Amino acid sequence: MTGTLALVAHDGMKDQMVAWATKNADQLRGLTLFGTGTTGGRLIDEVGLDIVRLKSGPKGGDAQLGAMIAENRLDSLVFFIDPLSALPHDVDVKSLLRLAILYDTRLAVNESSADAVLLSLLGDNA
């Protein structure tokens, strides 16, 4: 079984997610990838990754990922959160992060931690 990884980014962080995924594309291709809405679409179109696209985060994508975590169907979550923007769906984001913490899911919120999560996930699948 391959590792499962969700890739999510707020609007102000989508370019950074695309750049990170481009840099790590070869390693990401060995995993089962999930992405929310526009982030998933951009990773498919711009990086050429095979992503299972979920709903947009505010329209249920965050909840879909939370359910996957609670059902032990997601190994890791990379969520590039924009720390300088107010988010109308902040409750959904907090719920997703709370579930990741509760179920001890690997969680990254910036490039440095995403690199560490990817390395750890790949080590599990070596």
C-alpha atoms as a PDB file:
ATOM      1  CA  MET A   1       0.000   0.000   0.000  1.00  0.00           C
ATOM      2  CA  THR A   2       1.225   3.493  -0.772  1.00  0.00           C
ATOM      3  CA  GLY A   3       1.109   6.293   1.733  1.00  0.00           C
ATOM      4  CA  THR A   4      -1.771   8.753   1.647  1.00  0.00           C
ATOM      5  CA  LEU A   5      -1.193  12.485   1.726  1.00  0.00           C
ATOM      6  CA  ALA A   6      -3.586  15.423   1.505  1.00  0.00           C
ATOM      7  CA  LEU A   7      -2.381  18.726   0.058  1.00  0.00           C
ATOM      8  CA  VAL A   8      -4.318  21.866   0.990  1.00  0.00           C
ATOM      9  CA  ALA A   9      -3.483  25.565   0.708  1.00  0.00           C
ATOM     10  CA  HIS A  10      -5.312  28.768   1.428  1.00  0.00           C
ATOM     11  CA  ASP A  11      -5.637  31.219  -1.469  1.00  0.00           C
ATOM     12  CA  GLY A  12      -2.603  33.267  -0.436  1.00  0.00           C
ATOM     13  CA  MET A  13      -0.492  30.109  -0.179  1.00  0.00           C
ATOM     14  CA  LYS A  14      -1.453  28.240  -3.370  1.00  0.00           C
ATOM     15  CA  ASP A  15       1.585  29.480  -5.329  1.00  0.00           C
ATOM     16  CA  GLN A  16       3.837  28.280  -2.507  1.00  0.00           C
ATOM     17  CA  MET A  17       2.101  24.869  -2.520  1.00  0.00           C
ATOM     18  CA  VAL A  18       2.560  24.555  -6.296  1.00  0.00           C
ATOM     19  CA  ALA A  19       6.256  25.465  -5.945  1.00  0.00           C
ATOM     20  CA  TRP A  20       6.757  22.953  -3.102  1.00  0.00           C
ATOM     21  CA  ALA A  21       4.936  20.200  -5.004  1.00  0.00           C
ATOM     22  CA  THR A  22       6.935  20.924  -8.149  1.00  0.00           C
ATOM     23  CA  LYS A  23      10.174  20.586  -6.179  1.00  0.00           C
ATOM     24  CA  ASN A  24       8.977  17.273  -4.696  1.00  0.00           C
ATOM     25  CA  ALA A  25       6.977  15.936  -7.648  1.00  0.00           C
ATOM     26  CA  ASP A  26       8.976  12.728  -8.098  1.00  0.00           C
ATOM     27  CA  GLN A  27       8.500  11.713  -4.457  1.00  0.00           C
ATOM     28  CA  LEU A  28       4.830  12.745  -4.438  1.00  0.00           C
ATOM     29  CA  ARG A  29       4.066  10.579  -7.469  1.00  0.00           C
ATOM     30  CA  GLY A  30       4.715   7.464  -5.347  1.00  0.00           C
ATOM     31  CA  LEU A  31       1.886   8.374  -2.956  1.00  0.00           C
ATOM     32  CA  THR A  32      -1.895   8.438  -3.060  1.00  0.00           C
ATOM     33  CA  LEU A  33      -2.688  12.145  -3.093  1.00  0.00           C
ATOM     34  CA  PHE A  34      -5.797  14.070  -2.135  1.00  0.00           C
ATOM     35  CA  GLY A  35      -6.393  17.775  -2.588  1.00  0.00           C
ATOM     36  CA  THR A  36      -9.160  20.217  -1.941  1.00  0.00           C
ATOM     37  CA  GLY A  37     -10.845  22.243  -4.685  1.00  0.00           C
ATOM     38  CA  THR A  38      -8.612  24.741  -6.419  1.00  0.00           C
ATOM     39  CA  THR A  39      -5.425  23.494  -4.779  1.00  0.00           C
ATOM     40  CA  GLY A  40      -5.998  20.013  -6.177  1.00  0.00           C
ATOM     41  CA  GLY A  41      -6.835  21.421  -9.596  1.00  0.00           C
ATOM     42  CA  ARG A  42      -3.715  23.550  -9.731  1.00  0.00           C
ATOM     43  CA  LEU A  43      -1.519  20.617  -8.682  1.00  0.00           C
ATOM     44  CA  ILE A  44      -3.035  18.505 -11.455  1.00  0.00           C
ATOM     45  CA  ASP A  45      -2.742  21.225 -14.109  1.00  0.00           C
ATOM     46  CA  GLU A  46       0.572  22.830 -13.149  1.00  0.00           C
ATOM     47  CA  VAL A  47       2.554  19.965 -11.638  1.00  0.00           C
ATOM     48  CA  GLY A  48       0.973  16.981 -13.394  1.00  0.00           C
ATOM     49  CA  LEU A  49       0.209  15.088 -10.197  1.00  0.00           C
ATOM     50  CA  ASP A  50      -2.515  12.468  -9.947  1.00  0.00           C
ATOM     51  CA  ILE A  51      -4.757  13.939  -7.249  1.00  0.00           C
ATOM     52  CA  VAL A  52      -8.109  12.772  -5.939  1.00  0.00           C
ATOM     53  CA  ARG A  53      -9.941  16.088  -5.830  1.00  0.00           C
ATOM     54  CA  LEU A  54     -12.284  16.790  -2.957  1.00  0.00           C
ATOM     55  CA  LYS A  55     -14.653  19.707  -2.503  1.00  0.00           C
ATOM     56  CA  SER A  56     -13.335  23.186  -1.849  1.00  0.00           C
ATOM     57  CA  GLY A  57     -12.301  23.575   1.798  1.00  0.00           C
ATOM     58  CA  PRO A  58     -15.118  25.960   2.788  1.00  0.00           C
ATOM     59  CA  LYS A  59     -17.661  23.894   0.849  1.00  0.00           C
ATOM     60  CA  GLY A  60     -16.939  20.641   2.678  1.00  0.00           C
ATOM     61  CA  GLY A  61     -13.410  19.657   1.626  1.00  0.00           C
ATOM     62  CA  ASP A  62     -11.986  20.304   5.092  1.00  0.00           C
ATOM     63  CA  ALA A  63     -14.777  18.136   6.541  1.00  0.00           C
ATOM     64  CA  GLN A  64     -14.059  15.382   4.000  1.00  0.00           C
ATOM     65  CA  LEU A  65     -10.416  15.344   5.088  1.00  0.00           C
ATOM     66  CA  GLY A  66     -11.440  15.339   8.750  1.00  0.00           C
ATOM     67  CA  ALA A  67     -13.595  12.285   8.118  1.00  0.00           C
ATOM     68  CA  MET A  68     -10.713  10.542   6.352  1.00  0.00           C
ATOM     69  CA  ILE A  69      -8.487  11.223   9.350  1.00  0.00           C
ATOM     70  CA  ALA A  70     -11.125   9.937  11.804  1.00  0.00           C
ATOM     71  CA  GLU A  71     -11.533   6.789   9.689  1.00  0.00           C
ATOM     72  CA  ASN A  72      -7.755   6.236   9.556  1.00  0.00           C
ATOM     73  CA  ARG A  73      -7.676   6.663   5.758  1.00  0.00           C
ATOM     74  CA  LEU A  74      -5.121   9.487   5.675  1.00  0.00           C
ATOM     75  CA  ASP A  75      -1.499   9.193   6.775  1.00  0.00           C
ATOM     76  CA  SER A  76      -0.445  12.817   6.467  1.00  0.00           C
ATOM     77  CA  LEU A  77      -1.774  16.320   5.891  1.00  0.00           C
ATOM     78  CA  VAL A  78       0.130  19.249   4.405  1.00  0.00           C
ATOM     79  CA  PHE A  79      -1.946  22.397   4.901  1.00  0.00           C
ATOM     80  CA  PHE A  80      -0.288  25.669   3.941  1.00  0.00           C
ATOM     81  CA  ILE A  81      -2.284  28.083   6.087  1.00  0.00           C
ATOM     82  CA  ASP A  82      -2.149  31.805   5.378  1.00  0.00           C
ATOM     83  CA  PRO A  83      -1.220  33.265   8.778  1.00  0.00           C
ATOM     84  CA  LEU A  84      -1.968  36.848   7.721  1.00  0.00           C
ATOM     85  CA  SER A  85      -5.524  36.477   6.404  1.00  0.00           C
ATOM     86  CA  ALA A  86      -8.804  36.268   8.250  1.00  0.00           C
ATOM     87  CA  LEU A  87     -10.670  33.174   7.106  1.00  0.00           C
ATOM     88  CA  PRO A  88     -14.452  33.009   6.938  1.00  0.00           C
ATOM     89  CA  HIS A  89     -14.309  29.216   7.388  1.00  0.00           C
ATOM     90  CA  ASP A  90     -11.925  29.341  10.342  1.00  0.00           C
ATOM     91  CA  VAL A  91     -14.128  26.915  12.300  1.00  0.00           C
ATOM     92  CA  ASP A  92     -13.667  24.255   9.586  1.00  0.00           C
ATOM     93  CA  VAL A  93      -9.900  24.747   9.570  1.00  0.00           C
ATOM     94  CA  LYS A  94      -9.704  24.456  13.352  1.00  0.00           C
ATOM     95  CA  SER A  95     -11.820  21.307  13.266  1.00  0.00           C
ATOM     96  CA  LEU A  96      -9.539  19.704  10.679  1.00  0.00           C
ATOM     97  CA  LEU A  97      -6.409  20.616  12.638  1.00  0.00           C
ATOM     98  CA  ARG A  98      -8.002  19.363  15.870  1.00  0.00           C
ATOM     99  CA  LEU A  99      -8.747  15.980  14.260  1.00  0.00           C
ATOM    100  CA  ALA A 100      -5.211  15.712  12.871  1.00  0.00           C
ATOM    101  CA  ILE A 101      -3.839  16.334  16.351  1.00  0.00           C
ATOM    102  CA  LEU A 102      -6.336  14.039  18.080  1.00  0.00           C
ATOM    103  CA  TYR A 103      -5.623  11.107  15.740  1.00  0.00           C
ATOM    104  CA  ASP A 104      -1.858  11.734  15.701  1.00  0.00           C
ATOM    105  CA  THR A 105      -1.791  12.365  11.949  1.00  0.00           C
ATOM    106  CA  ARG A 106       1.409  13.775  10.492  1.00  0.00           C
ATOM    107  CA  LEU A 107       0.708  17.474   9.989  1.00  0.00           C
ATOM    108  CA  ALA A 108       2.670  20.184   8.188  1.00  0.00           C
ATOM    109  CA  VAL A 109       1.724  23.841   7.936  1.00  0.00           C
ATOM    110  CA  ASN A 110       4.757  25.280   6.117  1.00  0.00           C
ATOM    111  CA  GLU A 111       7.492  24.155   3.728  1.00  0.00           C
ATOM    112  CA  SER A 112       9.968  23.083   6.408  1.00  0.00           C
ATOM    113  CA  SER A 113       7.473  20.873   8.186  1.00  0.00           C
ATOM    114  CA  ALA A 114       6.113  19.618   4.822  1.00  0.00           C
ATOM    115  CA  ASP A 115       9.620  18.453   3.899  1.00  0.00           C
ATOM    116  CA  ALA A 116       9.854  16.562   7.198  1.00  0.00           C
ATOM    117  CA  VAL A 117       6.401  14.992   6.786  1.00  0.00           C
ATOM    118  CA  LEU A 118       7.198  13.889   3.234  1.00  0.00           C
ATOM    119  CA  LEU A 119      10.520  12.372   4.297  1.00  0.00           C
ATOM    120  CA  SER A 120       8.841  10.522   7.175  1.00  0.00           C
ATOM    121  CA  LEU A 121       6.024   9.270   4.958  1.00  0.00           C
ATOM    122  CA  LEU A 122       8.444   8.051   2.304  1.00  0.00           C
ATOM    123  CA  GLY A 123      10.506   6.273   4.963  1.00  0.00           C
ATOM    124  CA  ASP A 124       7.395   4.349   6.027  1.00  0.00           C
ATOM    125  CA  ASN A 125       6.891   3.204   2.439  1.00  0.00           C
ATOM    126  CA  ALA A 126      10.493   2.287   1.628  1.00  0.00           C
END
